[in-house]
């Protein structure tokens, strides 16, 4: 069972101001929660393979290929930009 001193310590770390009644209530709840973890200690996991990720994760790579663009469409888009300098779009400073 968790002690009152441990509850007070957790409350202090959490910046919670608890009175004696609240400390006793939380002490009982903490103890109840921690008792569930004791049940996990009884589970046989000897045949379970340890893992650091529950799903298979792998990088998906593709070739970096140049796509051909229609020059007329590009020029049309650049002309439609309201604020530009040459072929570059001017935007407000980010920083």
Protein backbone atom coordinates (compact mmCIF):
# COMPACT_ATOMS: atom_id res chain seq x y z
CA UNK A 1 0.00 0.00 0.00
CA UNK A 2 1.24 3.48 -0.83
CA UNK A 3 2.05 5.64 2.18
CA UNK A 4 0.71 9.08 3.03
CA UNK A 5 4.23 10.43 2.71
CA UNK A 6 4.43 9.14 -0.88
CA UNK A 7 1.06 10.74 -1.71
CA UNK A 8 2.24 14.03 -0.22
CA UNK A 9 5.43 13.80 -2.29
CA UNK A 10 3.49 13.20 -5.53
CA UNK A 11 1.11 16.04 -4.64
CA UNK A 12 4.07 18.34 -4.05
CA UNK A 13 5.62 17.40 -7.39
CA UNK A 14 2.25 18.00 -9.06
CA UNK A 15 1.86 21.31 -7.25
CA UNK A 16 -1.39 20.14 -5.64
CA UNK A 17 -2.47 21.46 -2.29
CA UNK A 18 -4.26 18.56 -0.61
CA UNK A 19 -5.82 18.41 2.83
CA UNK A 20 -5.68 15.29 5.05
CA UNK A 21 -9.04 13.96 3.82
CA UNK A 22 -7.98 14.29 0.17
CA UNK A 23 -4.64 12.62 0.91
CA UNK A 24 -6.39 9.60 2.44
CA UNK A 25 -8.80 9.39 -0.51
CA UNK A 26 -5.97 9.56 -3.05
CA UNK A 27 -3.90 7.11 -1.02
CA UNK A 28 -6.69 4.53 -1.37
CA UNK A 29 -7.11 5.22 -5.09
CA UNK A 30 -3.35 5.00 -5.75
CA UNK A 31 -3.16 1.73 -3.85
CA UNK A 32 -6.08 0.33 -5.85
CA UNK A 33 -4.47 1.35 -9.15
CA UNK A 34 -1.09 -0.08 -8.20
CA UNK A 35 -2.68 -3.38 -7.17
CA UNK A 36 -3.68 -3.90 -10.82
CA UNK A 37 -0.02 -3.75 -11.78
CA UNK A 38 0.69 -6.55 -9.32
CA UNK A 39 -1.64 -8.73 -11.40
CA UNK A 40 0.58 -8.13 -14.43
CA UNK A 41 3.51 -9.65 -12.55
CA UNK A 42 1.64 -12.98 -12.54
CA UNK A 43 1.35 -13.15 -16.34
CA UNK A 44 3.66 -15.69 -17.96
CA UNK A 45 5.58 -13.89 -20.71
CA UNK A 46 8.45 -16.34 -21.21
CA UNK A 47 7.28 -17.30 -24.72
CA UNK A 48 6.53 -13.72 -25.79
CA UNK A 49 9.16 -12.16 -28.01
CA UNK A 50 10.27 -8.76 -26.76
CA UNK A 51 9.80 -5.82 -29.07
CA UNK A 52 10.24 -2.08 -29.01
CA UNK A 53 7.45 -1.46 -31.52
CA UNK A 54 4.11 -3.23 -31.89
CA UNK A 55 4.00 -2.86 -35.67
CA UNK A 56 6.57 -3.45 -38.37
CA UNK A 57 8.09 -0.12 -39.35
CA UNK A 58 10.29 0.31 -42.37
CA UNK A 59 11.30 3.20 -44.58
CA UNK A 60 9.62 3.37 -47.94
CA UNK A 61 11.96 4.89 -50.47
CA UNK A 62 11.35 5.88 -54.04
CA UNK A 63 13.63 7.05 -56.77
CA UNK A 64 14.02 10.79 -57.05
CA UNK A 65 12.88 11.37 -60.61
CA UNK A 66 12.41 14.61 -62.48
CA UNK A 67 8.87 15.04 -63.73
CA UNK A 68 8.42 16.82 -67.01
CA UNK A 69 6.25 19.92 -66.77
CA UNK A 70 4.56 21.83 -69.51
CA UNK A 71 6.48 25.13 -69.86
CA UNK A 72 3.35 26.99 -71.03
CA UNK A 73 1.48 25.96 -67.85
CA UNK A 74 4.40 27.01 -65.64
CA UNK A 75 4.61 30.43 -67.29
CA UNK A 76 0.83 30.85 -66.96
CA UNK A 77 1.03 30.09 -63.22
CA UNK A 78 3.98 32.45 -62.69
CA UNK A 79 2.10 35.27 -64.46
CA UNK A 80 -0.88 34.74 -62.11
CA UNK A 81 1.24 35.33 -58.99
CA UNK A 82 0.45 38.83 -57.60
CA UNK A 83 3.81 39.52 -55.95
CA UNK A 84 6.90 38.11 -57.64
CA UNK A 85 10.46 38.89 -58.62
CA UNK A 86 11.34 37.26 -61.91
CA UNK A 87 10.20 33.64 -61.68
CA UNK A 88 10.27 33.68 -57.85
CA UNK A 89 7.30 34.25 -55.56
CA UNK A 90 7.78 37.05 -53.00
CA UNK A 91 6.37 36.41 -49.55
CA UNK A 92 6.55 38.17 -46.19
CA UNK A 93 9.49 37.39 -43.95
CA UNK A 94 9.00 34.28 -41.87
CA UNK A 95 11.40 35.20 -39.09
